[in-house]
N, C-alpha and C. Protein backbone atom coordinates (compact mmCIF):
# COMPACT_ATOMS: atom_id res chain seq x y z
N MET A 1 -88.72 183.75 -15.65
CA MET A 1 -88.94 183.24 -14.41
C MET A 1 -89.83 181.90 -14.36
N ALA A 2 -90.76 181.75 -15.26
CA ALA A 2 -91.64 180.58 -15.39
C ALA A 2 -90.84 179.39 -15.78
N GLY A 3 -89.79 179.54 -16.45
CA GLY A 3 -89.05 178.30 -16.86
C GLY A 3 -87.85 178.09 -15.96
N LYS A 4 -87.79 178.69 -14.89
CA LYS A 4 -86.73 178.42 -13.97
C LYS A 4 -87.02 177.23 -13.04
N LYS A 5 -85.97 176.23 -13.26
CA LYS A 5 -86.08 174.99 -12.49
C LYS A 5 -85.75 175.05 -11.12
N ILE A 6 -86.53 174.46 -10.13
CA ILE A 6 -86.24 174.44 -8.67
C ILE A 6 -85.44 173.16 -8.35
N PRO A 7 -84.33 173.19 -7.74
CA PRO A 7 -83.70 171.90 -7.37
C PRO A 7 -84.67 170.97 -6.54
N ASN A 8 -84.38 169.53 -6.69
CA ASN A 8 -85.24 168.66 -5.97
C ASN A 8 -85.40 168.76 -4.50
N ILE A 9 -84.30 169.12 -3.94
CA ILE A 9 -84.17 169.22 -2.54
C ILE A 9 -85.14 170.37 -1.98
N ASP A 10 -85.02 171.61 -2.72
CA ASP A 10 -85.93 172.57 -2.40
C ASP A 10 -87.51 172.33 -2.69
N ARG A 11 -87.71 171.49 -3.75
CA ARG A 11 -89.04 171.03 -3.91
C ARG A 11 -89.51 170.25 -2.87
N LEU A 12 -88.68 169.30 -2.32
CA LEU A 12 -89.13 168.31 -1.07
C LEU A 12 -89.29 169.25 0.19
N ILE A 13 -88.48 170.14 0.34
CA ILE A 13 -88.51 171.10 1.53
C ILE A 13 -90.03 171.85 1.46
N ILE A 14 -90.20 172.47 0.24
CA ILE A 14 -91.50 173.16 0.18
C ILE A 14 -92.69 172.10 0.37
N ALA A 15 -92.58 170.91 -0.28
CA ALA A 15 -93.61 170.01 -0.18
C ALA A 15 -93.79 169.52 1.38
N SER A 16 -92.69 169.46 1.98
CA SER A 16 -92.90 168.96 3.38
C SER A 16 -93.65 170.13 4.21
N TYR A 17 -93.38 171.23 4.00
CA TYR A 17 -94.18 172.42 4.60
C TYR A 17 -95.48 172.35 4.27
N ARG A 18 -95.86 172.05 2.94
CA ARG A 18 -97.18 171.99 2.51
C ARG A 18 -98.03 170.77 3.26
N TYR A 19 -97.18 169.82 3.29
CA TYR A 19 -97.69 168.55 3.80
C TYR A 19 -98.05 168.81 5.41
N LEU A 20 -97.20 169.38 6.06
CA LEU A 20 -97.59 169.63 7.56
C LEU A 20 -98.74 170.55 7.64
N ASN A 21 -98.91 171.57 6.74
CA ASN A 21 -100.11 172.38 6.93
C ASN A 21 -101.37 171.55 6.50
N ASN A 22 -101.27 170.62 5.67
CA ASN A 22 -102.39 169.71 5.24
C ASN A 22 -102.69 168.92 6.52
N VAL A 23 -101.72 168.29 7.08
CA VAL A 23 -101.94 167.42 8.40
C VAL A 23 -102.53 168.28 9.39
N LEU A 24 -102.16 169.67 9.70
CA LEU A 24 -102.78 170.27 10.57
C LEU A 24 -104.23 170.62 10.34
N ALA A 25 -104.56 170.86 9.06
CA ALA A 25 -105.99 170.83 8.66
C ALA A 25 -106.82 169.50 9.07
N LEU A 26 -106.27 168.41 8.78
CA LEU A 26 -106.86 167.10 8.98
C LEU A 26 -107.11 166.89 10.63
N LEU A 27 -105.98 167.42 11.32
CA LEU A 27 -106.11 167.36 12.73
C LEU A 27 -107.19 168.08 13.32
N ILE A 28 -107.29 169.35 12.81
CA ILE A 28 -108.32 170.36 13.28
C ILE A 28 -109.84 169.69 12.92
N VAL A 29 -109.88 169.10 11.78
CA VAL A 29 -111.24 168.73 11.45
C VAL A 29 -111.50 167.34 12.39
N PHE A 30 -110.59 166.55 12.67
CA PHE A 30 -110.72 165.41 13.73
C PHE A 30 -111.01 165.83 15.04
N TRP A 31 -110.55 166.96 15.45
CA TRP A 31 -110.86 167.47 16.70
C TRP A 31 -112.39 167.91 16.63
N LEU A 32 -112.68 168.82 15.56
CA LEU A 32 -114.07 169.19 15.43
C LEU A 32 -114.99 167.98 15.43
N ILE A 33 -114.64 166.95 14.80
CA ILE A 33 -115.68 165.82 14.69
C ILE A 33 -115.76 165.30 16.16
N ARG A 34 -114.63 165.21 16.93
CA ARG A 34 -114.73 164.82 18.45
C ARG A 34 -115.73 165.65 19.05
N LEU A 35 -115.56 167.01 18.91
CA LEU A 35 -116.57 167.92 19.65
C LEU A 35 -117.84 167.67 19.14
N PHE A 36 -118.17 167.49 17.89
CA PHE A 36 -119.45 167.10 17.45
C PHE A 36 -119.88 165.84 18.03
N ASP A 37 -119.15 164.88 18.18
CA ASP A 37 -119.48 163.68 18.79
C ASP A 37 -120.00 164.05 20.36
N VAL A 38 -119.21 164.80 20.98
CA VAL A 38 -119.42 165.06 22.37
C VAL A 38 -120.78 165.86 22.47
N PHE A 39 -120.90 166.94 21.68
CA PHE A 39 -121.98 167.84 22.07
C PHE A 39 -123.30 167.66 21.14
N VAL A 40 -123.24 166.94 20.11
CA VAL A 40 -124.32 166.67 19.24
C VAL A 40 -124.91 165.21 19.38
N ILE A 41 -124.04 164.38 18.92
CA ILE A 41 -124.41 163.00 18.89
C ILE A 41 -124.62 162.37 20.22
N ALA A 42 -123.80 162.70 21.22
CA ALA A 42 -124.00 162.29 22.53
C ALA A 42 -125.36 162.70 23.24
N GLN A 43 -125.71 163.97 22.86
CA GLN A 43 -127.02 164.47 23.36
C GLN A 43 -128.21 163.78 22.52
N ALA A 44 -127.94 163.70 21.18
CA ALA A 44 -129.14 163.10 20.44
C ALA A 44 -129.49 161.67 20.82
N PHE A 45 -128.37 160.90 21.25
CA PHE A 45 -128.56 159.48 21.57
C PHE A 45 -128.54 159.23 23.05
N HIS A 46 -128.61 160.27 23.90
CA HIS A 46 -128.62 160.26 25.30
C HIS A 46 -127.75 159.25 26.02
N PHE A 47 -126.41 159.77 25.70
CA PHE A 47 -125.34 158.95 26.51
C PHE A 47 -125.27 159.20 27.87
N PRO A 48 -124.93 158.34 28.65
CA PRO A 48 -125.03 158.51 30.17
C PRO A 48 -123.90 159.58 30.52
N SER A 49 -124.15 160.42 31.55
CA SER A 49 -123.25 161.44 31.96
C SER A 49 -122.01 160.70 32.49
N GLY A 50 -120.87 161.42 32.52
CA GLY A 50 -119.58 160.82 33.06
C GLY A 50 -118.72 160.48 31.88
N TYR A 51 -118.87 160.77 30.71
CA TYR A 51 -117.97 160.35 29.68
C TYR A 51 -117.04 161.44 29.38
N THR A 52 -116.92 162.52 29.93
CA THR A 52 -116.13 163.63 29.66
C THR A 52 -114.64 163.25 29.54
N GLY A 53 -114.14 162.47 30.54
CA GLY A 53 -112.77 161.90 30.50
C GLY A 53 -112.50 161.06 29.26
N SER A 54 -113.61 160.26 28.82
CA SER A 54 -113.39 159.44 27.76
C SER A 54 -113.22 160.30 26.49
N HIS A 55 -113.96 161.35 26.49
CA HIS A 55 -114.06 162.21 25.37
C HIS A 55 -112.66 162.89 25.13
N LEU A 56 -112.09 163.41 26.30
CA LEU A 56 -110.97 164.05 26.25
C LEU A 56 -109.75 163.20 25.86
N LEU A 57 -109.92 161.77 26.35
CA LEU A 57 -108.92 160.82 25.85
C LEU A 57 -109.01 160.58 24.50
N GLY A 58 -110.31 160.57 23.98
CA GLY A 58 -110.56 160.47 22.45
C GLY A 58 -109.90 161.67 21.64
N LEU A 59 -109.70 162.84 22.17
CA LEU A 59 -109.00 163.94 21.56
C LEU A 59 -107.56 163.40 21.38
N LEU A 60 -107.03 162.89 22.36
CA LEU A 60 -105.66 162.38 22.51
C LEU A 60 -105.38 161.37 21.43
N TYR A 61 -106.32 160.36 21.42
CA TYR A 61 -106.23 159.25 20.39
C TYR A 61 -106.47 159.70 19.01
N ASP A 62 -107.36 160.64 18.91
CA ASP A 62 -107.52 161.25 17.35
C ASP A 62 -106.21 161.91 16.97
N SER A 63 -105.63 162.54 18.00
CA SER A 63 -104.41 163.29 17.55
C SER A 63 -103.32 162.22 17.16
N TYR A 64 -103.11 161.21 18.08
CA TYR A 64 -102.25 160.17 17.64
C TYR A 64 -102.45 159.44 16.49
N PHE A 65 -103.74 159.24 16.08
CA PHE A 65 -104.25 158.50 14.89
C PHE A 65 -103.75 159.37 13.70
N VAL A 66 -104.12 160.59 13.73
CA VAL A 66 -103.75 161.55 12.60
C VAL A 66 -102.28 161.70 12.39
N LEU A 67 -101.45 161.81 13.45
CA LEU A 67 -99.99 161.92 13.20
C LEU A 67 -99.43 160.65 12.79
N LYS A 68 -100.07 159.45 13.33
CA LYS A 68 -99.62 158.11 12.88
C LYS A 68 -99.79 158.04 11.17
N VAL A 69 -100.98 158.46 10.83
CA VAL A 69 -101.33 158.38 9.37
C VAL A 69 -100.42 159.28 8.54
N ALA A 70 -100.24 160.41 9.20
CA ALA A 70 -99.29 161.59 8.54
C ALA A 70 -97.94 160.91 8.23
N ALA A 71 -97.51 160.10 9.31
CA ALA A 71 -96.12 159.46 9.25
C ALA A 71 -96.15 158.60 7.98
N ILE A 72 -97.14 157.74 7.92
CA ILE A 72 -97.25 156.75 7.03
C ILE A 72 -97.18 157.17 5.61
N PHE A 73 -98.10 158.29 5.38
CA PHE A 73 -98.23 158.79 4.04
C PHE A 73 -97.20 159.98 3.63
N PHE A 74 -96.29 160.20 4.50
CA PHE A 74 -95.49 161.31 4.25
C PHE A 74 -94.49 160.98 3.12
N LEU A 75 -93.99 159.90 3.17
CA LEU A 75 -92.95 159.52 2.01
C LEU A 75 -93.72 159.35 0.63
N PRO A 76 -94.86 158.74 0.55
CA PRO A 76 -95.58 158.64 -0.75
C PRO A 76 -95.82 160.17 -1.24
N TYR A 77 -96.17 160.95 -0.39
CA TYR A 77 -96.65 162.28 -0.62
C TYR A 77 -95.32 163.14 -1.26
N LEU A 78 -94.19 162.82 -0.58
CA LEU A 78 -92.99 163.68 -1.11
C LEU A 78 -92.63 163.10 -2.39
N LEU A 79 -92.74 161.79 -2.72
CA LEU A 79 -92.43 161.20 -3.99
C LEU A 79 -93.33 161.66 -5.00
N LEU A 80 -94.59 161.74 -4.68
CA LEU A 80 -95.55 162.22 -5.75
C LEU A 80 -95.28 163.65 -5.96
N SER A 81 -94.97 164.43 -4.88
CA SER A 81 -94.57 165.86 -5.18
C SER A 81 -93.45 166.20 -6.17
N LEU A 82 -92.52 165.07 -6.12
CA LEU A 82 -91.51 165.27 -7.11
C LEU A 82 -91.98 165.19 -8.69
N LEU A 83 -93.03 164.42 -8.69
CA LEU A 83 -93.72 164.37 -10.08
C LEU A 83 -94.53 165.67 -10.35
N ARG A 84 -95.36 165.96 -9.56
CA ARG A 84 -96.03 167.12 -9.62
C ARG A 84 -96.82 167.51 -8.35
N LYS A 85 -96.88 168.66 -7.97
CA LYS A 85 -97.40 169.26 -6.85
C LYS A 85 -98.95 168.67 -6.75
N GLN A 86 -99.72 168.97 -7.82
CA GLN A 86 -101.12 168.63 -7.90
C GLN A 86 -101.45 167.21 -7.60
N ILE A 87 -100.51 166.37 -8.08
CA ILE A 87 -100.78 164.90 -7.88
C ILE A 87 -100.71 164.63 -6.33
N ALA A 88 -99.59 165.16 -5.69
CA ALA A 88 -99.46 164.92 -4.29
C ALA A 88 -100.62 165.54 -3.50
N GLN A 89 -101.06 166.70 -3.73
CA GLN A 89 -102.29 167.38 -3.20
C GLN A 89 -103.46 166.55 -3.35
N GLY A 90 -103.62 166.03 -4.48
CA GLY A 90 -104.79 165.21 -4.79
C GLY A 90 -104.80 163.86 -3.98
N PHE A 91 -103.59 163.37 -3.91
CA PHE A 91 -103.40 162.22 -3.02
C PHE A 91 -103.82 162.38 -1.56
N PHE A 92 -103.23 163.56 -1.06
CA PHE A 92 -103.56 163.73 0.34
C PHE A 92 -105.03 164.03 0.54
N ILE A 93 -105.56 164.83 -0.19
CA ILE A 93 -106.94 165.24 -0.18
C ILE A 93 -107.90 164.00 -0.14
N THR A 94 -107.51 162.97 -1.20
CA THR A 94 -108.30 161.75 -1.21
C THR A 94 -108.27 160.98 0.00
N VAL A 95 -107.05 160.76 0.46
CA VAL A 95 -106.79 160.01 1.81
C VAL A 95 -107.50 160.50 2.88
N ALA A 96 -107.35 162.02 2.94
CA ALA A 96 -107.91 162.79 4.08
C ALA A 96 -109.45 162.67 4.19
N LEU A 97 -110.00 162.80 3.00
CA LEU A 97 -111.58 162.78 2.91
C LEU A 97 -111.96 161.33 3.28
N VAL A 98 -111.45 160.18 2.86
CA VAL A 98 -111.72 158.99 3.22
C VAL A 98 -111.79 158.84 4.78
N LEU A 99 -110.71 159.38 5.33
CA LEU A 99 -110.41 159.26 6.82
C LEU A 99 -111.56 160.08 7.56
N VAL A 100 -111.81 161.28 7.11
CA VAL A 100 -112.97 161.99 7.74
C VAL A 100 -114.37 161.38 7.61
N VAL A 101 -114.61 160.94 6.51
CA VAL A 101 -116.02 160.23 6.37
C VAL A 101 -115.94 158.91 7.08
N ALA A 102 -114.92 158.19 7.18
CA ALA A 102 -114.89 156.92 7.94
C ALA A 102 -114.99 157.19 9.47
N ASN A 103 -114.34 158.25 9.87
CA ASN A 103 -114.35 158.60 11.21
C ASN A 103 -115.85 159.00 11.57
N LEU A 104 -116.39 159.84 10.81
CA LEU A 104 -117.77 160.21 10.98
C LEU A 104 -118.82 158.94 11.00
N LEU A 105 -118.69 158.12 10.05
CA LEU A 105 -119.57 156.94 10.04
C LEU A 105 -119.36 156.03 11.27
N LEU A 106 -118.18 155.93 11.67
CA LEU A 106 -117.84 155.05 13.01
C LEU A 106 -118.45 155.71 14.12
N ALA A 107 -118.36 156.99 14.24
CA ALA A 107 -119.02 157.73 15.25
C ALA A 107 -120.53 157.62 15.47
N VAL A 108 -121.08 157.70 14.19
CA VAL A 108 -122.55 157.49 14.15
C VAL A 108 -122.99 156.09 14.47
N TYR A 109 -122.21 155.06 13.80
CA TYR A 109 -122.51 153.75 14.13
C TYR A 109 -122.53 153.45 15.66
N PHE A 110 -121.46 153.97 16.31
CA PHE A 110 -121.29 153.66 17.70
C PHE A 110 -122.43 154.43 18.51
N ALA A 111 -122.75 155.69 18.09
CA ALA A 111 -123.77 156.28 18.74
C ALA A 111 -125.23 155.65 18.55
N SER A 112 -125.37 155.00 17.56
CA SER A 112 -126.76 154.40 17.35
C SER A 112 -126.75 152.97 17.87
N THR A 113 -125.69 152.21 17.83
CA THR A 113 -125.68 150.80 18.32
C THR A 113 -125.07 150.64 19.70
N LYS A 114 -124.34 151.62 20.21
CA LYS A 114 -123.49 151.50 21.41
C LYS A 114 -122.52 150.42 21.44
N VAL A 115 -122.13 149.90 20.30
CA VAL A 115 -121.15 148.91 20.07
C VAL A 115 -119.95 149.53 19.17
N MET A 116 -118.75 149.43 19.82
CA MET A 116 -117.60 149.91 19.07
C MET A 116 -117.26 148.91 17.88
N LEU A 117 -117.05 149.47 16.81
CA LEU A 117 -116.86 148.63 15.58
C LEU A 117 -115.39 148.62 15.30
N GLY A 118 -114.74 147.47 15.56
CA GLY A 118 -113.33 147.26 15.36
C GLY A 118 -112.99 146.38 14.20
N SER A 119 -112.24 145.43 14.46
CA SER A 119 -111.88 144.41 13.48
C SER A 119 -112.99 143.63 12.92
N ASP A 120 -114.00 143.53 13.69
CA ASP A 120 -115.21 142.87 13.37
C ASP A 120 -115.87 143.48 12.14
N LEU A 121 -115.45 144.70 11.81
CA LEU A 121 -116.14 145.53 10.71
C LEU A 121 -115.93 144.46 9.41
N PHE A 122 -114.89 143.87 9.26
CA PHE A 122 -114.72 143.16 8.08
C PHE A 122 -115.44 141.98 8.04
N GLY A 123 -116.18 141.48 9.09
CA GLY A 123 -117.03 140.36 9.05
C GLY A 123 -118.43 140.74 8.64
N TYR A 124 -118.74 142.08 8.63
CA TYR A 124 -119.97 142.47 8.13
C TYR A 124 -119.98 142.96 6.57
N SER A 125 -121.26 142.80 6.07
CA SER A 125 -121.35 143.26 4.65
C SER A 125 -121.95 144.66 4.80
N ILE A 126 -121.92 145.35 3.76
CA ILE A 126 -122.41 146.76 3.73
C ILE A 126 -123.90 146.78 3.92
N ALA A 127 -124.54 145.78 3.34
CA ALA A 127 -125.94 145.67 3.55
C ALA A 127 -126.30 145.32 4.97
N GLU A 128 -125.51 144.48 5.71
CA GLU A 128 -125.84 144.22 7.13
C GLU A 128 -125.63 145.53 8.07
N ILE A 129 -124.53 146.34 7.79
CA ILE A 129 -124.38 147.49 8.51
C ILE A 129 -125.54 148.58 8.15
N LYS A 130 -125.95 148.55 6.93
CA LYS A 130 -126.96 149.51 6.61
C LYS A 130 -128.28 149.09 7.27
N GLU A 131 -128.66 147.82 7.23
CA GLU A 131 -129.71 147.30 8.07
C GLU A 131 -129.78 147.63 9.39
N THR A 132 -128.71 147.31 10.11
CA THR A 132 -128.47 147.69 11.46
C THR A 132 -128.74 149.12 11.77
N LEU A 133 -128.16 150.13 10.95
CA LEU A 133 -128.46 151.48 11.11
C LEU A 133 -129.93 151.74 10.96
N GLN A 134 -130.46 151.32 9.84
CA GLN A 134 -131.78 151.58 9.54
C GLN A 134 -132.66 151.16 10.66
N SER A 135 -132.63 149.88 11.14
CA SER A 135 -133.41 149.41 12.16
C SER A 135 -133.16 150.11 13.47
N SER A 136 -132.04 150.66 13.83
CA SER A 136 -131.91 151.52 15.02
C SER A 136 -132.36 153.01 14.90
N GLY A 137 -132.91 153.30 13.80
CA GLY A 137 -133.40 154.69 13.52
C GLY A 137 -132.35 155.72 13.44
N SER A 138 -131.28 155.39 13.07
CA SER A 138 -130.17 156.49 13.22
C SER A 138 -129.96 157.12 11.86
N MET A 139 -130.70 156.77 10.81
CA MET A 139 -130.67 157.51 9.50
C MET A 139 -131.46 158.86 9.54
N SER A 140 -130.92 159.83 10.43
CA SER A 140 -131.61 161.16 10.38
C SER A 140 -130.70 162.18 9.99
N VAL A 141 -131.23 163.40 9.91
CA VAL A 141 -130.57 164.52 9.35
C VAL A 141 -129.40 164.81 10.31
N VAL A 142 -129.41 164.64 11.55
CA VAL A 142 -128.29 164.82 12.34
C VAL A 142 -126.98 163.88 12.09
N ASN A 143 -127.30 162.84 11.41
CA ASN A 143 -126.35 161.89 11.05
C ASN A 143 -125.75 162.01 9.67
N VAL A 144 -126.73 162.52 8.65
CA VAL A 144 -126.40 162.61 7.33
C VAL A 144 -125.65 163.89 7.04
N ILE A 145 -126.11 165.11 7.54
CA ILE A 145 -125.48 166.34 7.27
C ILE A 145 -124.00 166.35 7.56
N PRO A 146 -123.56 165.91 8.75
CA PRO A 146 -122.02 165.92 9.01
C PRO A 146 -121.36 165.20 7.97
N VAL A 147 -121.71 164.29 7.44
CA VAL A 147 -120.99 163.41 6.39
C VAL A 147 -120.72 164.35 5.19
N VAL A 148 -121.59 165.36 5.02
CA VAL A 148 -121.34 166.39 3.88
C VAL A 148 -120.53 167.54 4.42
N VAL A 149 -120.93 167.97 5.68
CA VAL A 149 -120.28 169.31 6.17
C VAL A 149 -118.82 169.11 6.58
N PHE A 150 -118.49 168.03 7.30
CA PHE A 150 -117.08 167.94 7.67
C PHE A 150 -116.04 167.74 6.46
N PRO A 151 -116.36 166.94 5.46
CA PRO A 151 -115.44 167.00 4.30
C PRO A 151 -115.23 168.35 3.74
N ILE A 152 -116.28 169.03 3.60
CA ILE A 152 -116.31 170.46 3.00
C ILE A 152 -115.45 171.35 4.09
N LEU A 153 -115.64 171.28 5.31
CA LEU A 153 -114.99 171.97 6.21
C LEU A 153 -113.56 171.63 6.12
N PHE A 154 -113.11 170.38 6.02
CA PHE A 154 -111.76 170.07 5.78
C PHE A 154 -111.14 170.71 4.62
N LEU A 155 -111.86 170.76 3.47
CA LEU A 155 -111.34 171.39 2.24
C LEU A 155 -111.13 172.84 2.49
N VAL A 156 -112.00 173.59 3.15
CA VAL A 156 -111.95 174.88 3.46
C VAL A 156 -110.90 175.27 4.29
N ILE A 157 -110.71 174.52 5.49
CA ILE A 157 -109.63 174.79 6.38
C ILE A 157 -108.28 174.51 5.73
N ARG A 158 -108.22 173.44 4.85
CA ARG A 158 -107.01 173.01 4.15
C ARG A 158 -106.49 174.14 3.20
N HIS A 159 -107.66 174.74 2.49
CA HIS A 159 -107.35 175.74 1.56
C HIS A 159 -106.72 176.95 2.11
N TYR A 160 -107.16 177.48 3.35
CA TYR A 160 -106.49 178.57 4.10
C TYR A 160 -105.20 178.20 4.72
N LEU A 161 -105.12 176.96 5.20
CA LEU A 161 -103.85 176.57 6.00
C LEU A 161 -102.60 176.47 4.95
N VAL A 162 -102.97 176.04 3.81
CA VAL A 162 -101.91 175.82 2.82
C VAL A 162 -101.24 177.17 2.45
N LYS A 163 -101.94 178.13 2.51
CA LYS A 163 -101.40 179.50 2.26
C LYS A 163 -100.59 180.09 3.32
N VAL A 164 -100.69 179.57 4.56
CA VAL A 164 -99.89 180.07 5.73
C VAL A 164 -98.60 179.57 5.85
N ARG A 165 -97.69 180.37 6.09
CA ARG A 165 -96.29 179.90 6.28
C ARG A 165 -95.99 180.11 7.87
N PHE A 166 -95.96 179.19 8.56
CA PHE A 166 -95.55 179.24 9.91
C PHE A 166 -94.00 179.43 9.99
N PRO A 167 -93.69 179.92 11.20
CA PRO A 167 -92.20 180.00 11.45
C PRO A 167 -91.56 178.75 11.32
N ASN A 168 -90.35 178.65 10.99
CA ASN A 168 -89.49 177.36 10.67
C ASN A 168 -89.43 176.42 11.92
N ILE A 169 -89.54 177.16 13.08
CA ILE A 169 -89.46 176.23 14.34
C ILE A 169 -90.59 175.37 14.52
N CYS A 170 -91.74 175.83 13.89
CA CYS A 170 -92.99 174.99 14.01
C CYS A 170 -92.80 173.74 13.12
N TYR A 171 -92.06 173.94 11.93
CA TYR A 171 -92.02 172.83 11.03
C TYR A 171 -90.86 171.95 11.69
N TYR A 172 -89.89 172.36 12.30
CA TYR A 172 -88.68 171.64 12.80
C TYR A 172 -89.18 170.64 13.94
N PHE A 173 -90.34 171.00 14.74
CA PHE A 173 -90.91 170.15 15.52
C PHE A 173 -91.25 168.79 14.98
N PHE A 174 -91.69 168.76 13.80
CA PHE A 174 -92.03 167.48 13.29
C PHE A 174 -90.97 166.53 12.68
N TYR A 175 -89.66 167.10 12.64
CA TYR A 175 -88.67 166.33 11.95
C TYR A 175 -87.89 165.74 13.06
């Protein structure tokens, strides 16, 4: 049995199922980060009331962002899965962890400076961003712990979701 070759089309189908489970794990973590933003960061930095609609819209935009990124990285993931399953999984995990940490850092930056960081991000050096965050007093436990906890949470959720096989109709929705 160990030497039995699986046809490439079957390997791609299995890889696509695994990819969608990975994307679901990433989506769940992005939603949890948004909830963390609403209930912890907003309270710690005393956001004005009335932002509930904005946060709900943020959940929608987070979902759109994750699905957009998933569409972009789907083909490279499938091609890498033809080489080896572990290479494709490592690729996805690396991309997802970078996205999770970047999302958290942008949320903390916005909470501390009340300035959204968009394309002007590329105009700042790391030293300038670090100086801005340190001068605003935002380098606290509330901001550092999530940068460790949420990536670990992603890995745990992904670990369990990869083992789950949803009904085929759930997977067909994404094709």
